[in-house]
């Protein structure tokens, strides 16, 4: 089970994983607000389900009557930093907390809970600053979560960083200085991009 913040990300990941996993016999299904009723029956047999917090929230409010919830063995939270978002974070927090309740309930009700495979949680983010707090939240008390911080050395595509400074003369206004920088962007990209994708971040230090 993978939870992504928005439907667009679910669809993107679905197309990617469908191509990768179905040739080895793993069925992927997308579960969003656009999912047809006929697909809901097929989802019961899927190995990998991609959904949004809002959809999974509506599906799991009566989780004791939902056999699909009890089949989940891995709960992957993509873009977990959304939990701090004012408009959408509460739903994600509720969903994760509910799945932790499911995990705890199934663990205690299983007759062979010592050998049964518990539900696992994996949360990923590229921007969250307090990863340790998220790890502690996902811990179940018995088995503390492992917090892994992966720096850019592990990126499949290496980043090259260039820092350039352009002084602002005393007789230039902020507007003229911004125009001067705009005219420099094309030459900077041409000089350093090497015909590859480039991201330009402009931070003005213009005195107030």
N, C-alpha and C. Protein backbone atom coordinates (compact mmCIF):
# COMPACT_ATOMS: atom_id res chain seq x y z
N UNK A 1 0.84 -1.18 0.00
CA UNK A 1 0.00 0.00 0.00
C UNK A 1 0.89 1.24 0.00
N UNK A 2 0.67 2.10 -1.00
CA UNK A 2 1.38 3.37 -1.03
C UNK A 2 0.38 4.52 -0.99
N UNK A 3 0.65 5.49 -0.12
CA UNK A 3 -0.20 6.67 0.00
C UNK A 3 0.57 7.87 -0.53
N UNK A 4 0.02 8.51 -1.56
CA UNK A 4 0.63 9.70 -2.15
C UNK A 4 -0.29 10.89 -1.92
N UNK A 5 0.24 12.11 -1.83
CA UNK A 5 -0.58 13.27 -1.47
C UNK A 5 -1.73 13.58 -2.41
N UNK A 6 -1.52 13.41 -3.72
CA UNK A 6 -2.54 13.80 -4.69
C UNK A 6 -2.73 12.71 -5.73
N UNK A 7 -3.86 12.78 -6.42
CA UNK A 7 -4.20 11.76 -7.42
C UNK A 7 -3.19 11.73 -8.57
N UNK A 8 -2.67 12.90 -8.93
CA UNK A 8 -1.73 12.95 -10.05
C UNK A 8 -0.48 12.11 -9.76
N UNK A 9 0.01 12.19 -8.51
CA UNK A 9 1.17 11.39 -8.14
C UNK A 9 0.84 9.91 -8.12
N UNK A 10 -0.37 9.57 -7.67
CA UNK A 10 -0.82 8.17 -7.69
C UNK A 10 -0.82 7.63 -9.12
N UNK A 11 -1.37 8.41 -10.03
CA UNK A 11 -1.45 7.97 -11.42
C UNK A 11 -0.07 7.82 -12.04
N UNK A 12 0.82 8.76 -11.73
CA UNK A 12 2.17 8.70 -12.25
C UNK A 12 2.90 7.46 -11.74
N UNK A 13 2.81 7.23 -10.43
CA UNK A 13 3.46 6.07 -9.84
C UNK A 13 2.83 4.78 -10.32
N UNK A 14 1.51 4.79 -10.52
CA UNK A 14 0.81 3.60 -10.99
C UNK A 14 1.32 3.17 -12.36
N UNK A 15 1.44 4.13 -13.28
CA UNK A 15 1.92 3.80 -14.61
C UNK A 15 3.36 3.27 -14.57
N UNK A 16 4.15 3.86 -13.70
CA UNK A 16 5.55 3.44 -13.57
C UNK A 16 5.66 2.04 -12.98
N UNK A 17 4.97 1.81 -11.87
CA UNK A 17 5.07 0.52 -11.20
C UNK A 17 4.35 -0.59 -11.95
N UNK A 18 3.29 -0.25 -12.65
CA UNK A 18 2.59 -1.26 -13.45
C UNK A 18 3.53 -1.85 -14.50
N UNK A 19 4.30 -0.97 -15.12
CA UNK A 19 5.26 -1.43 -16.14
C UNK A 19 6.37 -2.26 -15.52
N UNK A 20 6.78 -1.93 -14.29
CA UNK A 20 7.89 -2.62 -13.66
C UNK A 20 7.51 -3.94 -13.01
N UNK A 21 6.35 -3.96 -12.33
CA UNK A 21 6.02 -5.10 -11.48
C UNK A 21 5.10 -6.14 -12.12
N UNK A 22 4.23 -5.73 -13.03
CA UNK A 22 3.32 -6.71 -13.60
C UNK A 22 4.03 -7.80 -14.41
N UNK A 23 5.15 -7.50 -15.08
CA UNK A 23 5.87 -8.60 -15.77
C UNK A 23 6.38 -9.69 -14.82
N UNK A 24 6.52 -9.38 -13.52
CA UNK A 24 6.96 -10.40 -12.57
C UNK A 24 5.80 -10.90 -11.72
N UNK A 25 4.57 -10.65 -12.18
CA UNK A 25 3.40 -11.24 -11.55
C UNK A 25 2.79 -10.46 -10.41
N UNK A 26 3.18 -9.20 -10.22
CA UNK A 26 2.61 -8.39 -9.15
C UNK A 26 1.59 -7.40 -9.74
N UNK A 27 0.36 -7.51 -9.30
CA UNK A 27 -0.73 -6.69 -9.84
C UNK A 27 -0.81 -5.36 -9.10
N UNK A 28 -0.78 -4.26 -9.86
CA UNK A 28 -0.89 -2.91 -9.29
C UNK A 28 -2.27 -2.35 -9.58
N UNK A 29 -2.84 -1.66 -8.59
CA UNK A 29 -4.13 -1.01 -8.77
C UNK A 29 -4.11 0.37 -8.15
N UNK A 30 -4.84 1.28 -8.79
CA UNK A 30 -4.95 2.65 -8.31
C UNK A 30 -6.29 2.84 -7.63
N UNK A 31 -6.28 3.39 -6.41
CA UNK A 31 -7.50 3.59 -5.64
C UNK A 31 -7.63 5.06 -5.26
N UNK A 32 -8.43 5.78 -6.04
CA UNK A 32 -8.66 7.21 -5.80
C UNK A 32 -10.15 7.50 -5.93
N UNK A 33 -10.49 8.77 -5.88
CA UNK A 33 -11.89 9.15 -6.04
C UNK A 33 -12.43 8.84 -7.42
N UNK A 34 -11.54 8.60 -8.38
CA UNK A 34 -11.97 8.29 -9.75
C UNK A 34 -12.11 6.80 -10.00
N UNK A 35 -11.84 5.98 -9.00
CA UNK A 35 -11.88 4.53 -9.17
C UNK A 35 -13.32 4.06 -9.35
N UNK A 36 -13.56 3.29 -10.40
CA UNK A 36 -14.90 2.77 -10.67
C UNK A 36 -15.24 1.64 -9.71
N UNK A 37 -16.54 1.40 -9.54
CA UNK A 37 -16.99 0.38 -8.59
C UNK A 37 -16.47 -1.01 -9.00
N UNK A 38 -16.40 -1.27 -10.29
CA UNK A 38 -15.92 -2.57 -10.75
C UNK A 38 -14.46 -2.80 -10.33
N UNK A 39 -13.69 -1.72 -10.29
CA UNK A 39 -12.28 -1.85 -9.93
C UNK A 39 -12.11 -2.16 -8.45
N UNK A 40 -13.09 -1.79 -7.62
CA UNK A 40 -12.98 -2.04 -6.19
C UNK A 40 -12.90 -3.54 -5.90
N UNK A 41 -13.60 -4.34 -6.69
CA UNK A 41 -13.53 -5.79 -6.48
C UNK A 41 -12.18 -6.34 -6.90
N UNK A 42 -11.60 -5.78 -7.96
CA UNK A 42 -10.29 -6.23 -8.41
C UNK A 42 -9.18 -5.83 -7.44
N UNK A 43 -9.39 -4.70 -6.75
CA UNK A 43 -8.37 -4.21 -5.81
C UNK A 43 -8.14 -5.21 -4.69
N UNK A 44 -9.17 -5.99 -4.35
CA UNK A 44 -9.03 -6.99 -3.30
C UNK A 44 -7.93 -8.01 -3.62
N UNK A 45 -7.65 -8.19 -4.91
CA UNK A 45 -6.67 -9.18 -5.34
C UNK A 45 -5.34 -8.54 -5.75
N UNK A 46 -5.22 -7.24 -5.57
CA UNK A 46 -4.00 -6.55 -5.99
C UNK A 46 -2.88 -6.77 -4.97
N UNK A 47 -1.65 -6.79 -5.48
CA UNK A 47 -0.48 -6.90 -4.61
C UNK A 47 -0.01 -5.52 -4.15
N UNK A 48 -0.20 -4.53 -5.01
CA UNK A 48 0.25 -3.16 -4.72
C UNK A 48 -0.91 -2.21 -5.00
N UNK A 49 -1.27 -1.41 -4.01
CA UNK A 49 -2.37 -0.45 -4.15
C UNK A 49 -1.82 0.96 -3.93
N UNK A 50 -2.17 1.86 -4.83
CA UNK A 50 -1.74 3.25 -4.72
C UNK A 50 -2.96 4.12 -4.48
N UNK A 51 -2.93 4.91 -3.41
CA UNK A 51 -4.10 5.68 -3.03
C UNK A 51 -3.70 7.02 -2.44
N UNK A 52 -4.72 7.82 -2.11
CA UNK A 52 -4.50 9.13 -1.47
C UNK A 52 -4.98 9.05 -0.02
N UNK A 53 -4.51 9.96 0.84
CA UNK A 53 -4.98 9.95 2.22
C UNK A 53 -6.49 10.09 2.35
N UNK A 54 -7.08 10.95 1.51
CA UNK A 54 -8.53 11.18 1.58
C UNK A 54 -9.31 9.91 1.23
N UNK A 55 -8.87 9.21 0.19
CA UNK A 55 -9.58 7.99 -0.22
C UNK A 55 -9.40 6.89 0.81
N UNK A 56 -8.18 6.74 1.31
CA UNK A 56 -7.94 5.67 2.29
C UNK A 56 -8.64 5.99 3.61
N UNK A 57 -8.80 7.26 3.92
CA UNK A 57 -9.53 7.65 5.11
C UNK A 57 -10.98 7.18 5.02
N UNK A 58 -11.60 7.43 3.87
CA UNK A 58 -13.00 7.02 3.69
C UNK A 58 -13.15 5.51 3.65
N UNK A 59 -12.11 4.81 3.19
CA UNK A 59 -12.17 3.35 3.08
C UNK A 59 -11.96 2.66 4.42
N UNK A 60 -11.34 3.33 5.36
CA UNK A 60 -10.90 2.65 6.58
C UNK A 60 -11.61 3.12 7.85
N UNK A 61 -12.60 3.96 7.73
CA UNK A 61 -13.28 4.44 8.93
C UNK A 61 -13.95 3.29 9.68
N UNK A 62 -14.41 2.29 8.96
CA UNK A 62 -14.94 1.07 9.58
C UNK A 62 -14.01 -0.09 9.22
N UNK A 63 -12.76 0.03 9.65
CA UNK A 63 -11.74 -0.91 9.21
C UNK A 63 -11.97 -2.32 9.73
N UNK A 64 -12.68 -2.47 10.83
CA UNK A 64 -12.93 -3.82 11.35
C UNK A 64 -13.82 -4.63 10.41
N UNK A 65 -14.60 -3.93 9.59
CA UNK A 65 -15.47 -4.62 8.62
C UNK A 65 -14.86 -4.66 7.23
N UNK A 66 -13.63 -4.19 7.10
CA UNK A 66 -12.99 -4.09 5.79
C UNK A 66 -11.82 -5.08 5.75
N UNK A 67 -12.01 -6.16 5.02
CA UNK A 67 -10.97 -7.20 4.95
C UNK A 67 -9.73 -6.70 4.23
N UNK A 68 -9.90 -5.72 3.34
CA UNK A 68 -8.75 -5.21 2.59
C UNK A 68 -7.74 -4.57 3.53
N UNK A 69 -8.22 -3.83 4.52
CA UNK A 69 -7.33 -3.15 5.46
C UNK A 69 -6.47 -4.17 6.21
N UNK A 70 -7.07 -5.28 6.57
CA UNK A 70 -6.37 -6.27 7.37
C UNK A 70 -5.37 -7.08 6.56
N UNK A 71 -5.38 -6.92 5.25
CA UNK A 71 -4.42 -7.62 4.40
C UNK A 71 -3.13 -6.82 4.17
N UNK A 72 -3.14 -5.55 4.55
CA UNK A 72 -1.99 -4.69 4.30
C UNK A 72 -0.80 -5.11 5.16
N UNK A 73 0.33 -5.34 4.52
CA UNK A 73 1.54 -5.74 5.24
C UNK A 73 2.63 -4.66 5.19
N UNK A 74 2.55 -3.77 4.20
CA UNK A 74 3.51 -2.67 4.10
C UNK A 74 2.74 -1.39 3.77
N UNK A 75 2.93 -0.37 4.59
CA UNK A 75 2.24 0.91 4.40
C UNK A 75 3.29 1.97 4.10
N UNK A 76 3.38 2.37 2.83
CA UNK A 76 4.38 3.32 2.37
C UNK A 76 3.76 4.71 2.28
N UNK A 77 4.32 5.65 3.03
CA UNK A 77 3.81 7.02 3.06
C UNK A 77 4.76 7.89 2.23
N UNK A 78 4.31 8.30 1.07
CA UNK A 78 5.13 9.13 0.20
C UNK A 78 4.89 10.60 0.54
N UNK A 79 5.97 11.40 0.52
CA UNK A 79 5.87 12.83 0.85
C UNK A 79 5.28 13.03 2.24
N UNK A 80 5.87 12.37 3.23
CA UNK A 80 5.30 12.40 4.58
C UNK A 80 5.32 13.80 5.19
N UNK A 81 6.12 14.72 4.64
CA UNK A 81 6.13 16.09 5.16
C UNK A 81 4.79 16.79 4.98
N UNK A 82 3.90 16.22 4.17
CA UNK A 82 2.56 16.80 4.00
C UNK A 82 1.81 16.81 5.34
N UNK A 83 2.26 16.02 6.29
CA UNK A 83 1.57 15.95 7.58
C UNK A 83 1.53 17.31 8.29
N UNK A 84 2.44 18.20 7.93
CA UNK A 84 2.44 19.53 8.55
C UNK A 84 1.63 20.54 7.76
N UNK A 85 1.05 20.13 6.64
CA UNK A 85 0.26 21.03 5.82
C UNK A 85 -1.06 21.35 6.52
N UNK A 86 -1.42 22.62 6.56
CA UNK A 86 -2.60 23.05 7.30
C UNK A 86 -3.89 22.47 6.73
N UNK A 87 -3.96 22.34 5.42
CA UNK A 87 -5.22 21.91 4.80
C UNK A 87 -5.31 20.40 4.63
N UNK A 88 -4.18 19.69 4.49
CA UNK A 88 -4.23 18.27 4.17
C UNK A 88 -3.53 17.39 5.19
N UNK A 89 -2.74 18.01 6.06
CA UNK A 89 -1.95 17.22 6.99
C UNK A 89 -2.77 16.42 7.98
N UNK A 90 -3.90 16.98 8.40
CA UNK A 90 -4.73 16.30 9.41
C UNK A 90 -5.23 14.96 8.90
N UNK A 91 -5.61 14.90 7.63
CA UNK A 91 -6.12 13.65 7.06
C UNK A 91 -5.03 12.59 7.02
N UNK A 92 -3.84 12.98 6.61
CA UNK A 92 -2.74 12.02 6.58
C UNK A 92 -2.42 11.53 7.98
N UNK A 93 -2.42 12.43 8.95
CA UNK A 93 -2.14 12.03 10.34
C UNK A 93 -3.18 11.04 10.85
N UNK A 94 -4.45 11.30 10.53
CA UNK A 94 -5.53 10.40 10.94
C UNK A 94 -5.35 9.02 10.32
N UNK A 95 -5.02 8.99 9.03
CA UNK A 95 -4.87 7.72 8.32
C UNK A 95 -3.73 6.90 8.91
N UNK A 96 -2.59 7.54 9.14
CA UNK A 96 -1.44 6.82 9.69
C UNK A 96 -1.74 6.34 11.10
N UNK A 97 -2.35 7.18 11.91
CA UNK A 97 -2.70 6.78 13.28
C UNK A 97 -3.68 5.62 13.27
N UNK A 98 -4.62 5.64 12.34
CA UNK A 98 -5.58 4.54 12.25
C UNK A 98 -4.89 3.24 11.84
N UNK A 99 -3.96 3.33 10.90
CA UNK A 99 -3.25 2.12 10.48
C UNK A 99 -2.36 1.60 11.60
N UNK A 100 -1.85 2.47 12.45
CA UNK A 100 -1.09 2.02 13.61
C UNK A 100 -2.01 1.29 14.59
N UNK A 101 -3.25 1.77 14.70
CA UNK A 101 -4.23 1.07 15.53
C UNK A 101 -4.54 -0.30 14.96
N UNK A 102 -4.68 -0.37 13.63
CA UNK A 102 -4.91 -1.66 12.96
C UNK A 102 -3.74 -2.60 13.23
N UNK A 103 -2.53 -2.08 13.10
CA UNK A 103 -1.34 -2.87 13.35
C UNK A 103 -1.34 -3.45 14.76
N UNK A 104 -1.63 -2.60 15.73
CA UNK A 104 -1.63 -3.03 17.12
C UNK A 104 -2.73 -4.04 17.39
N UNK A 105 -3.92 -3.80 16.84
CA UNK A 105 -5.05 -4.69 17.06
C UNK A 105 -4.82 -6.06 16.46
N UNK A 106 -4.32 -6.10 15.23
CA UNK A 106 -4.07 -7.38 14.58
C UNK A 106 -2.97 -8.15 15.28
N UNK A 107 -1.98 -7.43 15.78
CA UNK A 107 -0.87 -8.08 16.47
C UNK A 107 -1.34 -8.75 17.76
N UNK A 108 -2.25 -8.08 18.47
CA UNK A 108 -2.73 -8.64 19.74
C UNK A 108 -3.77 -9.73 19.54
N UNK A 109 -4.51 -9.68 18.43
CA UNK A 109 -5.57 -10.65 18.22
C UNK A 109 -5.09 -11.92 17.54
N UNK A 110 -3.89 -11.86 16.94
CA UNK A 110 -3.36 -13.04 16.25
C UNK A 110 -2.94 -14.10 17.25
N UNK A 111 -3.36 -15.32 16.99
CA UNK A 111 -2.99 -16.42 17.89
C UNK A 111 -1.50 -16.73 17.80
N UNK A 112 -0.92 -16.45 16.64
CA UNK A 112 0.51 -16.71 16.43
C UNK A 112 1.25 -15.40 16.22
N UNK A 113 0.97 -14.42 17.09
CA UNK A 113 1.54 -13.10 16.87
C UNK A 113 3.06 -13.10 17.00
N UNK A 114 3.64 -14.14 17.60
CA UNK A 114 5.09 -14.19 17.70
C UNK A 114 5.73 -14.49 16.36
N UNK A 115 5.01 -15.21 15.50
CA UNK A 115 5.57 -15.59 14.20
C UNK A 115 4.92 -14.86 13.04
N UNK A 116 3.76 -14.23 13.29
CA UNK A 116 3.07 -13.52 12.21
C UNK A 116 3.88 -12.30 11.78
N UNK A 117 3.79 -11.99 10.49
CA UNK A 117 4.51 -10.83 9.97
C UNK A 117 3.69 -9.58 10.26
N UNK A 118 4.20 -8.65 11.05
CA UNK A 118 3.45 -7.44 11.39
C UNK A 118 3.44 -6.47 10.21
N UNK A 119 2.50 -5.54 10.27
CA UNK A 119 2.47 -4.48 9.27
C UNK A 119 3.68 -3.57 9.47
N UNK A 120 4.33 -3.24 8.38
CA UNK A 120 5.49 -2.35 8.44
C UNK A 120 5.12 -0.98 7.86
N UNK A 121 5.77 0.05 8.39
CA UNK A 121 5.57 1.41 7.92
C UNK A 121 6.88 1.93 7.33
N UNK A 122 6.77 2.56 6.16
CA UNK A 122 7.91 3.23 5.55
C UNK A 122 7.45 4.62 5.15
N UNK A 123 8.14 5.64 5.64
CA UNK A 123 7.80 7.03 5.31
C UNK A 123 8.99 7.68 4.61
N UNK A 124 8.74 8.34 3.50
CA UNK A 124 9.82 8.97 2.74
C UNK A 124 9.50 10.43 2.49
N UNK A 125 10.55 11.23 2.46
CA UNK A 125 10.41 12.67 2.19
C UNK A 125 11.77 13.21 1.80
N UNK A 126 11.75 14.20 0.93
CA UNK A 126 13.00 14.84 0.51
C UNK A 126 13.25 16.14 1.26
N UNK A 127 12.26 16.59 2.05
CA UNK A 127 12.38 17.92 2.62
C UNK A 127 12.12 17.99 4.13
N UNK A 128 11.70 16.92 4.76
CA UNK A 128 11.31 17.01 6.16
C UNK A 128 12.54 17.19 7.05
N UNK A 129 12.52 18.16 7.96
CA UNK A 129 13.70 18.43 8.79
C UNK A 129 13.78 17.55 10.04
N UNK A 130 12.62 17.11 10.57
CA UNK A 130 12.61 16.36 11.83
C UNK A 130 12.29 14.88 11.58
N UNK A 131 13.17 14.22 10.84
CA UNK A 131 12.95 12.82 10.50
C UNK A 131 12.91 11.94 11.74
N UNK A 132 13.68 12.30 12.77
CA UNK A 132 13.70 11.49 13.99
C UNK A 132 12.33 11.49 14.67
N UNK A 133 11.64 12.63 14.65
CA UNK A 133 10.31 12.70 15.26
C UNK A 133 9.31 11.82 14.52
N UNK A 134 9.40 11.82 13.19
CA UNK A 134 8.52 10.96 12.39
C UNK A 134 8.81 9.49 12.69
N UNK A 135 10.08 9.15 12.82
CA UNK A 135 10.46 7.77 13.13
C UNK A 135 9.90 7.34 14.49
N UNK A 136 9.98 8.24 15.46
CA UNK A 136 9.44 7.93 16.79
C UNK A 136 7.93 7.75 16.74
N UNK A 137 7.26 8.57 15.94
CA UNK A 137 5.81 8.47 15.79
C UNK A 137 5.42 7.12 15.18
N UNK A 138 6.19 6.63 14.23
CA UNK A 138 5.86 5.38 13.55
C UNK A 138 6.28 4.15 14.34
N UNK A 139 7.06 4.33 15.39
CA UNK A 139 7.49 3.19 16.19
C UNK A 139 6.28 2.59 16.92
N UNK A 140 6.35 1.27 17.13
CA UNK A 140 5.23 0.60 17.80
C UNK A 140 5.50 0.31 19.27
N UNK A 141 6.58 0.83 19.81
CA UNK A 141 6.89 0.61 21.20
C UNK A 141 7.86 -0.53 21.41
N UNK A 142 7.60 -1.66 20.74
CA UNK A 142 8.49 -2.81 20.87
C UNK A 142 9.68 -2.70 19.93
N UNK A 143 9.39 -2.27 18.72
CA UNK A 143 10.44 -2.18 17.70
C UNK A 143 10.58 -0.73 17.24
N UNK A 144 11.58 -0.03 17.74
CA UNK A 144 11.76 1.37 17.33
C UNK A 144 12.06 1.48 15.84
N UNK A 145 11.51 2.51 15.22
CA UNK A 145 11.72 2.72 13.78
C UNK A 145 13.17 3.11 13.51
N UNK A 146 13.64 2.75 12.34
CA UNK A 146 14.98 3.10 11.90
C UNK A 146 14.90 4.37 11.06
N UNK A 147 15.68 5.37 11.43
CA UNK A 147 15.68 6.64 10.70
C UNK A 147 16.92 6.70 9.81
N UNK A 148 16.71 6.77 8.52
CA UNK A 148 17.81 6.82 7.56
C UNK A 148 17.80 8.17 6.84
N UNK A 149 18.91 8.87 6.92
CA UNK A 149 19.07 10.12 6.20
C UNK A 149 20.02 9.88 5.03
N UNK A 150 19.50 10.02 3.84
CA UNK A 150 20.27 9.73 2.63
C UNK A 150 20.62 11.05 1.96
N UNK A 151 21.90 11.34 1.89
CA UNK A 151 22.31 12.61 1.30
C UNK A 151 22.46 12.47 -0.21
N UNK A 152 22.88 13.55 -0.84
CA UNK A 152 22.90 13.58 -2.30
C UNK A 152 23.97 12.68 -2.91
N UNK A 153 24.85 12.11 -2.10
CA UNK A 153 25.83 11.17 -2.64
C UNK A 153 25.16 9.91 -3.19
N UNK A 154 23.94 9.64 -2.73
CA UNK A 154 23.23 8.45 -3.17
C UNK A 154 22.27 8.74 -4.33
N UNK A 155 22.26 9.95 -4.81
CA UNK A 155 21.39 10.29 -5.93
C UNK A 155 21.80 9.53 -7.19
N UNK A 156 20.83 8.97 -7.92
CA UNK A 156 21.18 8.30 -9.19
C UNK A 156 21.71 9.29 -10.23
N UNK A 157 21.23 10.55 -10.13
CA UNK A 157 21.73 11.61 -11.02
C UNK A 157 22.43 12.65 -10.15
N UNK A 158 23.70 12.80 -10.33
CA UNK A 158 24.48 13.70 -9.48
C UNK A 158 24.13 15.16 -9.76
N UNK A 159 24.18 15.95 -8.70
CA UNK A 159 23.92 17.38 -8.82
C UNK A 159 25.23 18.15 -8.88
N UNK A 160 25.27 19.13 -9.74
CA UNK A 160 26.41 20.05 -9.81
C UNK A 160 25.91 21.42 -9.39
N UNK A 161 26.50 21.98 -8.36
CA UNK A 161 26.05 23.26 -7.82
C UNK A 161 27.01 24.38 -8.19
N UNK A 162 26.45 25.45 -8.68
CA UNK A 162 27.23 26.64 -9.05
C UNK A 162 26.63 27.84 -8.30
N UNK A 163 27.47 28.57 -7.59
CA UNK A 163 27.02 29.76 -6.87
C UNK A 163 27.66 30.98 -7.51
N UNK A 164 26.84 31.91 -7.95
CA UNK A 164 27.32 33.13 -8.60
C UNK A 164 26.81 34.35 -7.85
N UNK A 165 27.65 35.36 -7.74
CA UNK A 165 27.24 36.59 -7.09
C UNK A 165 27.34 37.76 -8.05
N UNK A 166 26.33 38.60 -8.05
CA UNK A 166 26.32 39.77 -8.92
C UNK A 166 26.11 41.01 -8.05
N UNK A 167 27.10 41.89 -7.98
CA UNK A 167 26.97 43.07 -7.11
C UNK A 167 25.98 44.08 -7.69
N UNK A 168 25.33 44.76 -6.80
CA UNK A 168 24.38 45.81 -7.18
C UNK A 168 25.04 47.16 -6.94
N UNK A 169 25.13 47.98 -7.97
CA UNK A 169 25.76 49.29 -7.82
C UNK A 169 24.88 50.22 -7.00
N UNK A 170 25.48 51.20 -6.41
CA UNK A 170 24.76 52.10 -5.51
C UNK A 170 23.71 52.95 -6.22
N UNK A 171 23.86 53.12 -7.53
CA UNK A 171 22.91 53.98 -8.25
C UNK A 171 21.81 53.16 -8.94
N UNK A 172 21.73 51.86 -8.66
CA UNK A 172 20.70 51.01 -9.26
C UNK A 172 19.53 50.85 -8.30
N UNK A 173 18.33 50.91 -8.85
CA UNK A 173 17.14 50.61 -8.05
C UNK A 173 16.94 49.08 -8.03
N UNK A 174 16.08 48.62 -7.15
CA UNK A 174 15.81 47.18 -7.07
C UNK A 174 15.22 46.68 -8.39
N UNK A 175 14.36 47.49 -8.99
CA UNK A 175 13.74 47.09 -10.25
C UNK A 175 14.78 46.91 -11.35
N UNK A 176 15.69 47.87 -11.47
CA UNK A 176 16.73 47.78 -12.51
C UNK A 176 17.69 46.62 -12.23
N UNK A 177 17.97 46.39 -10.96
CA UNK A 177 18.86 45.28 -10.60
C UNK A 177 18.22 43.94 -10.99
N UNK A 178 16.92 43.80 -10.74
CA UNK A 178 16.22 42.58 -11.13
C UNK A 178 16.24 42.39 -12.64
N UNK A 179 16.07 43.47 -13.38
CA UNK A 179 16.13 43.38 -14.84
C UNK A 179 17.51 42.93 -15.30
N UNK A 180 18.55 43.46 -14.67
CA UNK A 180 19.91 43.08 -15.01
C UNK A 180 20.13 41.58 -14.80
N UNK A 181 19.62 41.06 -13.69
CA UNK A 181 19.75 39.63 -13.40
C UNK A 181 18.97 38.79 -14.40
N UNK A 182 17.79 39.26 -14.79
CA UNK A 182 16.98 38.52 -15.76
C UNK A 182 17.72 38.36 -17.08
N UNK A 183 18.42 39.40 -17.49
CA UNK A 183 19.16 39.33 -18.75
C UNK A 183 20.36 38.38 -18.66
N UNK A 184 20.82 38.11 -17.46
CA UNK A 184 21.98 37.24 -17.29
C UNK A 184 21.61 35.76 -17.26
N UNK A 185 20.34 35.45 -17.02
CA UNK A 185 19.92 34.06 -16.83
C UNK A 185 20.27 33.18 -18.03
N UNK A 186 19.95 33.65 -19.24
CA UNK A 186 20.18 32.84 -20.43
C UNK A 186 21.65 32.48 -20.60
N UNK A 187 22.54 33.45 -20.39
CA UNK A 187 23.97 33.18 -20.55
C UNK A 187 24.49 32.26 -19.46
N UNK A 188 23.94 32.40 -18.24
CA UNK A 188 24.36 31.51 -17.14
C UNK A 188 23.98 30.07 -17.44
N UNK A 189 22.75 29.86 -17.91
CA UNK A 189 22.31 28.50 -18.25
C UNK A 189 23.14 27.93 -19.39
N UNK A 190 23.39 28.75 -20.39
CA UNK A 190 24.17 28.29 -21.54
C UNK A 190 25.59 27.93 -21.13
N UNK A 191 26.14 28.66 -20.18
CA UNK A 191 27.52 28.43 -19.75
C UNK A 191 27.67 27.17 -18.90
N UNK A 192 26.70 26.91 -18.01
CA UNK A 192 26.89 25.87 -17.01
C UNK A 192 26.00 24.63 -17.16
N UNK A 193 24.97 24.68 -17.98
CA UNK A 193 24.02 23.57 -18.01
C UNK A 193 24.54 22.35 -18.77
N UNK A 194 25.47 22.56 -19.70
CA UNK A 194 26.01 21.47 -20.52
C UNK A 194 24.88 20.72 -21.24
N UNK A 195 23.89 21.47 -21.69
CA UNK A 195 22.74 20.92 -22.43
C UNK A 195 21.92 19.94 -21.59
N UNK A 196 21.97 20.10 -20.25
CA UNK A 196 21.20 19.24 -19.36
C UNK A 196 20.22 20.10 -18.56
N UNK A 197 19.19 19.47 -17.95
CA UNK A 197 18.23 20.26 -17.15
C UNK A 197 18.93 21.08 -16.07
N UNK A 198 18.48 22.30 -15.89
CA UNK A 198 19.10 23.20 -14.92
C UNK A 198 18.03 23.89 -14.09
N UNK A 199 18.33 24.14 -12.83
CA UNK A 199 17.43 24.85 -11.94
C UNK A 199 18.16 26.10 -11.44
N UNK A 200 17.53 27.26 -11.65
CA UNK A 200 18.11 28.52 -11.23
C UNK A 200 17.35 29.04 -10.02
N UNK A 201 18.05 29.23 -8.93
CA UNK A 201 17.46 29.78 -7.70
C UNK A 201 18.02 31.16 -7.49
N UNK A 202 17.14 32.13 -7.44
CA UNK A 202 17.57 33.51 -7.32
C UNK A 202 17.18 34.05 -5.95
N UNK A 203 18.18 34.43 -5.17
CA UNK A 203 17.94 35.03 -3.86
C UNK A 203 18.53 36.43 -3.86
N UNK A 204 17.68 37.40 -3.68
CA UNK A 204 18.15 38.78 -3.73
C UNK A 204 18.63 39.25 -2.36
N UNK A 205 19.78 39.90 -2.36
CA UNK A 205 20.30 40.48 -1.12
C UNK A 205 20.22 42.00 -1.19
N UNK A 206 19.26 42.49 -1.98
CA UNK A 206 19.12 43.93 -2.18
C UNK A 206 18.79 44.60 -0.83
N UNK A 207 19.50 45.63 -0.45
CA UNK A 207 19.26 46.27 0.84
C UNK A 207 17.89 46.94 0.89
N UNK A 208 17.24 46.81 2.04
CA UNK A 208 15.92 47.41 2.23
C UNK A 208 16.04 48.81 2.81
